[in-house]
Amino acid sequence: MVARLIAEQFPAWGDLPVRPVETPGHDNRTFHLGDALLVRLPSGPGYAPQIAREQAWLPSLAERVRLPISVPVAHGRASRAYPFDFTVTRYLPGEPATREGVADLRRFARDLAAFLREWQAIDALGGPRPSADNCYRGAPLTVYDAETRRALADLADDLDAWDQTPAHAPGELRGRAWLEHLWDEALASPWTRTGVWVHGDIAPGNLLVRDGVLCGVIDFGCLAVGDPACDYAIAWTFLDAPARRVFAAELALDAASLARGRAWALWKALITYRSEEPGRAGNARVVLAEILRERDAIRRTAPDGGAVN
């Protein structure tokens, strides 16, 4: 089908071989087109509007950051063969980030923070606002409040069973109660400044590594202008505690920004905890364990030795 789409709409590339990428995505199905190009097709109607965001903004934004990012070179149109618009973009060499593939996690955190500083510094006047089209990335956490509280209630027994660390003091928050406290804390610390550019899906699969070093950022379908906290969730979904501290320091994140970034990671972990998609449920458990470990580390270093609620 992809070969047919290219032959019909971009005949100059019609003789290039088409093959699927080794690691498929979630929002898009992606294929190599020759050695220098990729074809990205939305996997469903909910992701189709993201094509317009990338086409409208990435060519100019790419000129303002030093790290290579995926840039559209052609805009494919919906047809009888395929019902949504699609993108042809330049191929960026590299492999999706993994713990094993990153040579130095603290350097990775520093390099990623440098990219986000540049990204957020770009003039955002007239940029797209968060909406259902980009899964509300950059919007206040309140858009996912009801969904998060339902998940906390549904998973209460699981979350309480997970939290097996002995209580440090009488009345210390545990399991679901602790996670709900973190969510409430984030909601009480809203973003009040002018919106900045948000990538919207800073996740290992969208961060490319070569020779152990961050070398590119891809998949900007969720880009918007708003609260950048969703881009900080990577600190809990991929980084370890030392790298997380580097990341926060390089971005000069205050307590409120950290609380909201953690809450984005918590929301995603809760709603994918029982996912049947390969790997997602397991990853959700890893993230929740990281958040609980962070609490216990804070508790152990509390100046008065008391409980940290």
C-alpha atoms as a PDB file:
ATOM      1  CA  MET A   1       0.000   0.000   0.000  1.00  0.00           C
ATOM      2  CA  VAL A   2       2.800   2.429   0.894  1.00  0.00           C
ATOM      3  CA  ALA A   3       4.598   1.686  -2.359  1.00  0.00           C
ATOM      4  CA  ARG A   4       1.374   2.378  -4.245  1.00  0.00           C
ATOM      5  CA  LEU A   5       0.788   5.675  -2.400  1.00  0.00           C
ATOM      6  CA  ILE A   6       4.298   6.871  -3.192  1.00  0.00           C
ATOM      7  CA  ALA A   7       4.092   5.828  -6.835  1.00  0.00           C
ATOM      8  CA  GLU A   8       0.778   7.680  -7.247  1.00  0.00           C
ATOM      9  CA  GLN A   9       1.575  10.871  -5.345  1.00  0.00           C
ATOM     10  CA  PHE A  10       5.367  11.159  -5.576  1.00  0.00           C
ATOM     11  CA  PRO A  11       6.424   9.349  -8.770  1.00  0.00           C
ATOM     12  CA  ALA A  12      10.006  10.656  -8.505  1.00  0.00           C
ATOM     13  CA  TRP A  13      10.390   8.297  -5.512  1.00  0.00           C
ATOM     14  CA  GLY A  14       8.336   5.507  -7.031  1.00  0.00           C
ATOM     15  CA  ASP A  15      11.308   3.192  -7.626  1.00  0.00           C
ATOM     16  CA  LEU A  16      12.646   3.422  -4.055  1.00  0.00           C
ATOM     17  CA  PRO A  17      12.223   0.262  -1.977  1.00  0.00           C
ATOM     18  CA  VAL A  18       9.747   0.303   0.922  1.00  0.00           C
ATOM     19  CA  ARG A  19      10.296  -1.657   4.127  1.00  0.00           C
ATOM     20  CA  PRO A  20       8.919  -1.302   7.673  1.00  0.00           C
ATOM     21  CA  VAL A  21      11.071   0.211  10.396  1.00  0.00           C
ATOM     22  CA  GLU A  22      12.462  -2.243  12.916  1.00  0.00           C
ATOM     23  CA  THR A  23      10.656  -0.687  15.905  1.00  0.00           C
ATOM     24  CA  PRO A  24       7.022   0.200  15.109  1.00  0.00           C
ATOM     25  CA  GLY A  25       5.380   3.171  16.805  1.00  0.00           C
ATOM     26  CA  HIS A  26       1.976   3.594  18.404  1.00  0.00           C
ATOM     27  CA  ASP A  27       0.503   6.739  16.822  1.00  0.00           C
ATOM     28  CA  ASN A  28       1.970   6.045  13.373  1.00  0.00           C
ATOM     29  CA  ARG A  29       3.034   3.172  11.157  1.00  0.00           C
ATOM     30  CA  THR A  30       6.438   4.020   9.746  1.00  0.00           C
ATOM     31  CA  PHE A  31       8.304   2.699   6.704  1.00  0.00           C
ATOM     32  CA  HIS A  32      11.720   3.294   5.186  1.00  0.00           C
ATOM     33  CA  LEU A  33      11.580   4.780   1.693  1.00  0.00           C
ATOM     34  CA  GLY A  34      14.986   4.071   0.252  1.00  0.00           C
ATOM     35  CA  ASP A  35      17.859   4.940   2.567  1.00  0.00           C
ATOM     36  CA  ALA A  36      17.191   8.636   3.170  1.00  0.00           C
ATOM     37  CA  LEU A  37      13.430   8.937   3.724  1.00  0.00           C
ATOM     38  CA  LEU A  38      10.648   7.669   5.972  1.00  0.00           C
ATOM     39  CA  VAL A  39       6.901   7.461   5.376  1.00  0.00           C
ATOM     40  CA  ARG A  40       4.761   7.969   8.499  1.00  0.00           C
ATOM     41  CA  LEU A  41       1.065   7.067   8.380  1.00  0.00           C
ATOM     42  CA  PRO A  42      -1.339   7.732  11.289  1.00  0.00           C
ATOM     43  CA  SER A  43      -2.512   4.472  12.837  1.00  0.00           C
ATOM     44  CA  GLY A  44      -6.059   5.741  13.374  1.00  0.00           C
ATOM     45  CA  PRO A  45      -8.357   8.765  12.983  1.00  0.00           C
ATOM     46  CA  GLY A  46      -7.438  10.174  16.396  1.00  0.00           C
ATOM     47  CA  TYR A  47      -3.849  10.680  15.267  1.00  0.00           C
ATOM     48  CA  ALA A  48      -4.551  11.950  11.757  1.00  0.00           C
ATOM     49  CA  PRO A  49      -4.694  15.685  12.691  1.00  0.00           C
ATOM     50  CA  GLN A  50      -1.140  15.522  14.003  1.00  0.00           C
ATOM     51  CA  ILE A  51       0.161  15.434  10.439  1.00  0.00           C
ATOM     52  CA  ALA A  52      -0.965  19.032   9.881  1.00  0.00           C
ATOM     53  CA  ARG A  53       0.854  20.198  13.025  1.00  0.00           C
ATOM     54  CA  GLU A  54       4.143  18.716  11.876  1.00  0.00           C
ATOM     55  CA  GLN A  55       3.774  19.994   8.331  1.00  0.00           C
ATOM     56  CA  ALA A  56       2.947  23.538   9.452  1.00  0.00           C
ATOM     57  CA  TRP A  57       5.614  24.043  12.103  1.00  0.00           C
ATOM     58  CA  LEU A  58       8.561  21.652  11.921  1.00  0.00           C
ATOM     59  CA  PRO A  59      10.372  23.101   8.875  1.00  0.00           C
ATOM     60  CA  SER A  60      10.889  26.443  10.615  1.00  0.00           C
ATOM     61  CA  LEU A  61      11.366  25.062  14.124  1.00  0.00           C
ATOM     62  CA  ALA A  62      14.105  22.677  12.977  1.00  0.00           C
ATOM     63  CA  GLU A  63      16.284  25.647  12.059  1.00  0.00           C
ATOM     64  CA  ARG A  64      16.270  26.871  15.656  1.00  0.00           C
ATOM     65  CA  VAL A  65      17.643  23.833  17.457  1.00  0.00           C
ATOM     66  CA  ARG A  66      21.074  22.262  17.118  1.00  0.00           C
ATOM     67  CA  LEU A  67      20.007  18.648  17.592  1.00  0.00           C
ATOM     68  CA  PRO A  68      18.646  17.056  14.392  1.00  0.00           C
ATOM     69  CA  ILE A  69      14.877  16.577  14.394  1.00  0.00           C
ATOM     70  CA  SER A  70      12.517  14.897  11.939  1.00  0.00           C
ATOM     71  CA  VAL A  71      11.427  17.366   9.249  1.00  0.00           C
ATOM     72  CA  PRO A  72       8.689  16.752   6.651  1.00  0.00           C
ATOM     73  CA  VAL A  73       9.782  16.929   3.028  1.00  0.00           C
ATOM     74  CA  ALA A  74       6.404  16.013   1.488  1.00  0.00           C
ATOM     75  CA  HIS A  75       2.731  15.976   2.474  1.00  0.00           C
ATOM     76  CA  GLY A  76       0.834  12.919   1.321  1.00  0.00           C
ATOM     77  CA  ARG A  77      -2.920  13.173   0.887  1.00  0.00           C
ATOM     78  CA  ALA A  78      -5.774  10.877   1.817  1.00  0.00           C
ATOM     79  CA  SER A  79      -6.998   8.687  -1.041  1.00  0.00           C
ATOM     80  CA  ARG A  80      -8.955   5.540  -1.747  1.00  0.00           C
ATOM     81  CA  ALA A  81      -5.889   3.505  -0.851  1.00  0.00           C
ATOM     82  CA  TYR A  82      -5.447   5.125   2.568  1.00  0.00           C
ATOM     83  CA  PRO A  83      -7.958   7.388   4.377  1.00  0.00           C
ATOM     84  CA  PHE A  84      -5.623   9.905   6.105  1.00  0.00           C
ATOM     85  CA  ASP A  85      -2.988  12.450   5.158  1.00  0.00           C
ATOM     86  CA  PHE A  86       0.564  11.218   5.759  1.00  0.00           C
ATOM     87  CA  THR A  87       4.118  12.538   5.927  1.00  0.00           C
ATOM     88  CA  VAL A  88       7.348  11.814   4.104  1.00  0.00           C
ATOM     89  CA  THR A  89      10.246  12.899   6.296  1.00  0.00           C
ATOM     90  CA  ARG A  90      14.006  12.652   6.246  1.00  0.00           C
ATOM     91  CA  TYR A  91      15.487   9.605   7.923  1.00  0.00           C
ATOM     92  CA  LEU A  92      17.633  10.366  10.957  1.00  0.00           C
ATOM     93  CA  PRO A  93      20.237   7.685  11.736  1.00  0.00           C
ATOM     94  CA  GLY A  94      20.213   6.294  15.241  1.00  0.00           C
ATOM     95  CA  GLU A  95      18.412   3.816  17.462  1.00  0.00           C
ATOM     96  CA  PRO A  96      15.567   4.462  19.923  1.00  0.00           C
ATOM     97  CA  ALA A  97      16.992   5.118  23.379  1.00  0.00           C
ATOM     98  CA  THR A  98      17.298   2.197  25.769  1.00  0.00           C
ATOM     99  CA  ARG A  99      19.088   1.950  29.088  1.00  0.00           C
ATOM    100  CA  GLU A 100      21.513  -0.491  27.483  1.00  0.00           C
ATOM    101  CA  GLY A 101      22.097   1.755  24.485  1.00  0.00           C
ATOM    102  CA  VAL A 102      22.904   4.929  26.436  1.00  0.00           C
ATOM    103  CA  ALA A 103      26.562   5.135  27.410  1.00  0.00           C
ATOM    104  CA  ASP A 104      26.134   7.667  30.243  1.00  0.00           C
ATOM    105  CA  LEU A 105      22.627   8.334  31.542  1.00  0.00           C
ATOM    106  CA  ARG A 106      23.627  11.590  33.210  1.00  0.00           C
ATOM    107  CA  ARG A 107      25.136  12.910  29.997  1.00  0.00           C
ATOM    108  CA  PHE A 108      21.981  11.819  28.189  1.00  0.00           C
ATOM    109  CA  ALA A 109      19.911  13.781  30.720  1.00  0.00           C
ATOM    110  CA  ARG A 110      22.133  16.833  30.240  1.00  0.00           C
ATOM    111  CA  ASP A 111      21.912  16.668  26.439  1.00  0.00           C
ATOM    112  CA  LEU A 112      18.137  16.210  26.512  1.00  0.00           C
ATOM    113  CA  ALA A 113      17.768  19.167  28.883  1.00  0.00           C
ATOM    114  CA  ALA A 114      19.865  21.291  26.497  1.00  0.00           C
ATOM    115  CA  PHE A 115      17.532  20.391  23.632  1.00  0.00           C
ATOM    116  CA  LEU A 116      14.447  21.267  25.695  1.00  0.00           C
ATOM    117  CA  ARG A 117      15.963  24.604  26.737  1.00  0.00           C
ATOM    118  CA  GLU A 118      16.471  25.512  23.081  1.00  0.00           C
ATOM    119  CA  TRP A 119      13.025  24.207  22.131  1.00  0.00           C
ATOM    120  CA  GLN A 120      11.268  26.201  24.840  1.00  0.00           C
ATOM    121  CA  ALA A 121      13.217  29.352  23.976  1.00  0.00           C
ATOM    122  CA  ILE A 122      11.840  29.538  20.412  1.00  0.00           C
ATOM    123  CA  ASP A 123       9.282  32.297  19.891  1.00  0.00           C
ATOM    124  CA  ALA A 124       5.918  30.585  20.375  1.00  0.00           C
ATOM    125  CA  LEU A 125       3.684  33.415  19.180  1.00  0.00           C
ATOM    126  CA  GLY A 126       0.831  31.985  17.114  1.00  0.00           C
ATOM    127  CA  GLY A 127       1.730  28.377  17.868  1.00  0.00           C
ATOM    128  CA  PRO A 128      -0.998  25.720  18.143  1.00  0.00           C
ATOM    129  CA  ARG A 129      -2.796  25.324  21.443  1.00  0.00           C
ATOM    130  CA  PRO A 130      -3.263  22.001  23.238  1.00  0.00           C
ATOM    131  CA  SER A 131      -6.398  20.147  22.173  1.00  0.00           C
ATOM    132  CA  ALA A 132      -7.795  16.686  21.610  1.00  0.00           C
ATOM    133  CA  ASP A 133      -5.779  16.627  18.358  1.00  0.00           C
ATOM    134  CA  ASN A 134      -2.510  16.412  20.311  1.00  0.00           C
ATOM    135  CA  CYS A 135      -3.880  14.460  23.299  1.00  0.00           C
ATOM    136  CA  TYR A 136      -3.885  17.707  25.317  1.00  0.00           C
ATOM    137  CA  ARG A 137      -0.114  17.740  25.714  1.00  0.00           C
ATOM    138  CA  GLY A 138       0.778  21.152  27.128  1.00  0.00           C
ATOM    139  CA  ALA A 139      -2.667  21.573  28.706  1.00  0.00           C
ATOM    140  CA  PRO A 140      -3.328  21.745  32.467  1.00  0.00           C
ATOM    141  CA  LEU A 141      -3.424  18.392  34.240  1.00  0.00           C
ATOM    142  CA  THR A 142      -7.072  19.029  35.037  1.00  0.00           C
ATOM    143  CA  VAL A 143      -7.993  17.623  31.605  1.00  0.00           C
ATOM    144  CA  TYR A 144      -6.998  14.170  32.897  1.00  0.00           C
ATOM    145  CA  ASP A 145      -8.146  14.586  36.494  1.00  0.00           C
ATOM    146  CA  ALA A 146     -11.299  12.458  36.243  1.00  0.00           C
ATOM    147  CA  GLU A 147      -9.496   9.704  34.310  1.00  0.00           C
ATOM    148  CA  THR A 148      -6.656   9.619  36.842  1.00  0.00           C
ATOM    149  CA  ARG A 149      -8.973   9.419  39.840  1.00  0.00           C
ATOM    150  CA  ARG A 150     -10.944   6.592  38.228  1.00  0.00           C
ATOM    151  CA  ALA A 151      -7.724   4.696  37.645  1.00  0.00           C
ATOM    152  CA  LEU A 152      -6.566   5.277  41.220  1.00  0.00           C
ATOM    153  CA  ALA A 153      -9.873   3.921  42.514  1.00  0.00           C
ATOM    154  CA  ASP A 154      -9.903   0.938  40.159  1.00  0.00           C
ATOM    155  CA  LEU A 155      -6.305   0.012  41.010  1.00  0.00           C
ATOM    156  CA  ALA A 156      -6.495   0.728  44.750  1.00  0.00           C
ATOM    157  CA  ASP A 157      -5.894  -2.881  45.834  1.00  0.00           C
ATOM    158  CA  ASP A 158      -3.009  -3.338  43.405  1.00  0.00           C
ATOM    159  CA  LEU A 159      -1.356  -0.061  44.384  1.00  0.00           C
ATOM    160  CA  ASP A 160      -1.646  -0.748  48.097  1.00  0.00           C
ATOM    161  CA  ALA A 161      -0.216  -4.243  47.617  1.00  0.00           C
ATOM    162  CA  TRP A 162       2.687  -2.793  45.630  1.00  0.00           C
ATOM    163  CA  ASP A 163       3.796  -0.512  48.441  1.00  0.00           C
ATOM    164  CA  GLN A 164       5.521  -2.987  50.735  1.00  0.00           C
ATOM    165  CA  THR A 165       8.178  -0.703  52.241  1.00  0.00           C
ATOM    166  CA  PRO A 166       7.633  -0.510  56.032  1.00  0.00           C
ATOM    167  CA  ALA A 167       5.949   2.693  57.147  1.00  0.00           C
ATOM    168  CA  HIS A 168       8.369   5.232  58.569  1.00  0.00           C
ATOM    169  CA  ALA A 169       5.904   6.850  60.924  1.00  0.00           C
ATOM    170  CA  PRO A 170       2.272   6.419  62.040  1.00  0.00           C
ATOM    171  CA  GLY A 171      -0.157   7.816  59.501  1.00  0.00           C
ATOM    172  CA  GLU A 172       2.332   7.954  56.653  1.00  0.00           C
ATOM    173  CA  LEU A 173       0.661   7.926  53.264  1.00  0.00           C
ATOM    174  CA  ARG A 174       0.974   4.610  51.454  1.00  0.00           C
ATOM    175  CA  GLY A 175       0.094   3.072  48.084  1.00  0.00           C
ATOM    176  CA  ARG A 176      -2.904   4.650  46.427  1.00  0.00           C
ATOM    177  CA  ALA A 177      -3.110   7.388  49.085  1.00  0.00           C
ATOM    178  CA  TRP A 178       0.471   8.475  48.395  1.00  0.00           C
ATOM    179  CA  LEU A 179      -0.011   8.529  44.628  1.00  0.00           C
ATOM    180  CA  GLU A 180      -3.264  10.462  44.990  1.00  0.00           C
ATOM    181  CA  HIS A 181      -1.402  12.949  47.184  1.00  0.00           C
ATOM    182  CA  LEU A 182       1.183  13.442  44.425  1.00  0.00           C
ATOM    183  CA  TRP A 183      -1.602  14.042  41.915  1.00  0.00           C
ATOM    184  CA  ASP A 184      -3.305  16.578  44.206  1.00  0.00           C
ATOM    185  CA  GLU A 185       0.022  18.309  44.805  1.00  0.00           C
ATOM    186  CA  ALA A 186       0.537  18.723  41.052  1.00  0.00           C
ATOM    187  CA  LEU A 187      -2.977  20.073  40.492  1.00  0.00           C
ATOM    188  CA  ALA A 188      -2.329  22.637  43.217  1.00  0.00           C
ATOM    189  CA  SER A 189       0.774  23.886  41.346  1.00  0.00           C
ATOM    190  CA  PRO A 190      -0.541  24.985  37.923  1.00  0.00           C
ATOM    191  CA  TRP A 191       1.533  26.585  35.190  1.00  0.00           C
ATOM    192  CA  THR A 192       0.914  30.339  35.326  1.00  0.00           C
ATOM    193  CA  ARG A 193       3.473  31.666  32.834  1.00  0.00           C
ATOM    194  CA  THR A 194       3.279  32.277  29.104  1.00  0.00           C
ATOM    195  CA  GLY A 195       3.148  29.048  27.135  1.00  0.00           C
ATOM    196  CA  VAL A 196       6.298  27.660  25.516  1.00  0.00           C
ATOM    197  CA  TRP A 197       6.894  25.099  22.794  1.00  0.00           C
ATOM    198  CA  VAL A 198       6.113  21.561  23.949  1.00  0.00           C
ATOM    199  CA  HIS A 199       7.238  18.422  22.109  1.00  0.00           C
ATOM    200  CA  GLY A 200       4.440  16.451  23.737  1.00  0.00           C
ATOM    201  CA  ASP A 201       5.901  12.943  23.593  1.00  0.00           C
ATOM    202  CA  ILE A 202       9.428  12.973  24.979  1.00  0.00           C
ATOM    203  CA  ALA A 203       9.719   9.205  25.308  1.00  0.00           C
ATOM    204  CA  PRO A 204      12.587   6.742  24.692  1.00  0.00           C
ATOM    205  CA  GLY A 205      11.135   5.684  21.348  1.00  0.00           C
ATOM    206  CA  ASN A 206      11.320   9.257  20.089  1.00  0.00           C
ATOM    207  CA  LEU A 207      14.873   9.936  21.293  1.00  0.00           C
ATOM    208  CA  LEU A 208      17.601   8.604  19.002  1.00  0.00           C
ATOM    209  CA  VAL A 209      20.978   7.435  20.215  1.00  0.00           C
ATOM    210  CA  ARG A 210      24.151   6.824  18.250  1.00  0.00           C
ATOM    211  CA  ASP A 211      27.351   5.520  19.855  1.00  0.00           C
ATOM    212  CA  GLY A 212      25.603   5.829  23.194  1.00  0.00           C
ATOM    213  CA  VAL A 213      24.851   9.551  22.819  1.00  0.00           C
ATOM    214  CA  LEU A 214      21.610  11.423  22.100  1.00  0.00           C
ATOM    215  CA  CYS A 215      21.686  12.290  18.398  1.00  0.00           C
ATOM    216  CA  GLY A 216      18.136  13.228  17.360  1.00  0.00           C
ATOM    217  CA  VAL A 217      14.501  13.763  18.310  1.00  0.00           C
ATOM    218  CA  ILE A 218      11.561  12.525  16.242  1.00  0.00           C
ATOM    219  CA  ASP A 219       7.741  12.356  16.222  1.00  0.00           C
ATOM    220  CA  PHE A 220       6.451  15.861  16.894  1.00  0.00           C
ATOM    221  CA  GLY A 221       2.790  15.124  16.214  1.00  0.00           C
ATOM    222  CA  CYS A 222       1.814  16.277  19.717  1.00  0.00           C
ATOM    223  CA  LEU A 223       3.665  19.597  19.569  1.00  0.00           C
ATOM    224  CA  ALA A 224       1.867  22.599  21.010  1.00  0.00           C
ATOM    225  CA  VAL A 225       2.378  25.776  22.993  1.00  0.00           C
ATOM    226  CA  GLY A 226       1.600  25.472  26.693  1.00  0.00           C
ATOM    227  CA  ASP A 227       2.891  24.002  29.954  1.00  0.00           C
ATOM    228  CA  PRO A 228       6.106  22.025  29.260  1.00  0.00           C
ATOM    229  CA  ALA A 229       5.610  19.680  32.239  1.00  0.00           C
ATOM    230  CA  CYS A 230       4.537  16.776  30.015  1.00  0.00           C
ATOM    231  CA  ASP A 231       8.038  16.837  28.504  1.00  0.00           C
ATOM    232  CA  TYR A 232       9.517  16.304  31.979  1.00  0.00           C
ATOM    233  CA  ALA A 233       7.811  12.944  32.533  1.00  0.00           C
ATOM    234  CA  ILE A 234      10.879  11.301  30.949  1.00  0.00           C
ATOM    235  CA  ALA A 235      12.633  11.930  34.273  1.00  0.00           C
ATOM    236  CA  TRP A 236      10.518   9.128  35.788  1.00  0.00           C
ATOM    237  CA  THR A 237       9.787   7.002  32.737  1.00  0.00           C
ATOM    238  CA  PHE A 238      13.425   6.559  31.656  1.00  0.00           C
ATOM    239  CA  LEU A 239      16.009   8.308  33.842  1.00  0.00           C
ATOM    240  CA  ASP A 240      17.295   6.983  37.138  1.00  0.00           C
ATOM    241  CA  ALA A 241      17.569   9.115  40.285  1.00  0.00           C
ATOM    242  CA  PRO A 242      21.077  10.581  39.621  1.00  0.00           C
ATOM    243  CA  ALA A 243      20.214  11.402  35.997  1.00  0.00           C
ATOM    244  CA  ARG A 244      16.874  12.843  37.110  1.00  0.00           C
ATOM    245  CA  ARG A 245      18.700  15.250  39.420  1.00  0.00           C
ATOM    246  CA  VAL A 246      20.968  16.334  36.533  1.00  0.00           C
ATOM    247  CA  PHE A 247      17.950  16.820  34.258  1.00  0.00           C
ATOM    248  CA  ALA A 248      16.126  18.940  36.847  1.00  0.00           C
ATOM    249  CA  ALA A 249      19.215  21.034  37.597  1.00  0.00           C
ATOM    250  CA  GLU A 250      20.013  21.680  33.916  1.00  0.00           C
ATOM    251  CA  LEU A 251      16.455  22.913  33.340  1.00  0.00           C
ATOM    252  CA  ALA A 252      16.328  24.758  36.676  1.00  0.00           C
ATOM    253  CA  LEU A 253      13.026  23.054  37.462  1.00  0.00           C
ATOM    254  CA  ASP A 254      11.211  24.290  40.538  1.00  0.00           C
ATOM    255  CA  ALA A 255       9.184  22.068  42.843  1.00  0.00           C
ATOM    256  CA  ALA A 256       5.939  22.849  41.011  1.00  0.00           C
ATOM    257  CA  SER A 257       7.347  21.858  37.614  1.00  0.00           C
ATOM    258  CA  LEU A 258       8.737  18.640  39.075  1.00  0.00           C
ATOM    259  CA  ALA A 259       5.378  17.861  40.661  1.00  0.00           C
ATOM    260  CA  ARG A 260       3.549  18.312  37.355  1.00  0.00           C
ATOM    261  CA  GLY A 261       6.145  16.334  35.391  1.00  0.00           C
ATOM    262  CA  ARG A 262       5.859  13.471  37.869  1.00  0.00           C
ATOM    263  CA  ALA A 263       2.070  13.656  37.621  1.00  0.00           C
ATOM    264  CA  TRP A 264       2.200  13.260  33.821  1.00  0.00           C
ATOM    265  CA  ALA A 265       4.290  10.123  34.300  1.00  0.00           C
ATOM    266  CA  LEU A 266       1.875   8.897  36.971  1.00  0.00           C
ATOM    267  CA  TRP A 267      -1.198   9.473  34.777  1.00  0.00           C
ATOM    268  CA  LYS A 268       0.259   7.485  31.896  1.00  0.00           C
ATOM    269  CA  ALA A 269       1.364   4.640  34.166  1.00  0.00           C
ATOM    270  CA  LEU A 270      -2.060   4.386  35.781  1.00  0.00           C
ATOM    271  CA  ILE A 271      -4.041   4.290  32.542  1.00  0.00           C
ATOM    272  CA  THR A 272      -1.719   1.703  30.964  1.00  0.00           C
ATOM    273  CA  TYR A 273      -1.325  -0.477  34.072  1.00  0.00           C
ATOM    274  CA  ARG A 274      -3.663  -3.105  32.617  1.00  0.00           C
ATOM    275  CA  SER A 275      -2.883  -2.530  28.961  1.00  0.00           C
ATOM    276  CA  GLU A 276      -2.843  -5.573  26.694  1.00  0.00           C
ATOM    277  CA  GLU A 277      -0.421  -3.906  24.301  1.00  0.00           C
ATOM    278  CA  PRO A 278       2.973  -5.642  24.565  1.00  0.00           C
ATOM    279  CA  GLY A 279       5.290  -3.955  27.019  1.00  0.00           C
ATOM    280  CA  ARG A 280       2.975  -1.179  28.148  1.00  0.00           C
ATOM    281  CA  ALA A 281       1.697  -2.753  31.365  1.00  0.00           C
ATOM    282  CA  GLY A 282       5.205  -3.785  32.365  1.00  0.00           C
ATOM    283  CA  ASN A 283       6.513  -0.293  31.715  1.00  0.00           C
ATOM    284  CA  ALA A 284       3.691   1.180  33.812  1.00  0.00           C
ATOM    285  CA  ARG A 285       4.787  -0.926  36.766  1.00  0.00           C
ATOM    286  CA  VAL A 286       8.400   0.192  36.328  1.00  0.00           C
ATOM    287  CA  VAL A 287       7.329   3.848  36.407  1.00  0.00           C
ATOM    288  CA  LEU A 288       5.181   3.387  39.510  1.00  0.00           C
ATOM    289  CA  ALA A 289       8.050   1.626  41.250  1.00  0.00           C
ATOM    290  CA  GLU A 290      10.357   4.528  40.357  1.00  0.00           C
ATOM    291  CA  ILE A 291       7.908   7.038  41.824  1.00  0.00           C
ATOM    292  CA  LEU A 292       7.608   5.017  45.032  1.00  0.00           C
ATOM    293  CA  ARG A 293      11.390   4.649  45.297  1.00  0.00           C
ATOM    294  CA  GLU A 294      11.719   8.400  44.979  1.00  0.00           C
ATOM    295  CA  ARG A 295       9.395   8.889  47.935  1.00  0.00           C
ATOM    296  CA  ASP A 296      11.383   6.467  50.038  1.00  0.00           C
ATOM    297  CA  ALA A 297      14.662   8.185  49.131  1.00  0.00           C
ATOM    298  CA  ILE A 298      13.221  11.559  50.174  1.00  0.00           C
ATOM    299  CA  ARG A 299      11.947  10.035  53.382  1.00  0.00           C
ATOM    300  CA  ARG A 300      15.348   8.600  54.275  1.00  0.00           C
ATOM    301  CA  THR A 301      17.009  11.999  53.824  1.00  0.00           C
ATOM    302  CA  ALA A 302      14.351  14.162  55.529  1.00  0.00           C
ATOM    303  CA  PRO A 303      16.269  16.549  57.853  1.00  0.00           C
ATOM    304  CA  ASP A 304      14.198  15.681  60.912  1.00  0.00           C
ATOM    305  CA  GLY A 305      13.999  11.966  60.101  1.00  0.00           C
ATOM    306  CA  GLY A 306      10.237  12.202  60.045  1.00  0.00           C
ATOM    307  CA  ALA A 307       7.651  11.189  57.512  1.00  0.00           C
ATOM    308  CA  VAL A 308       7.447  13.093  54.248  1.00  0.00           C
ATOM    309  CA  ASN A 309       3.799  13.358  53.247  1.00  0.00           C
END
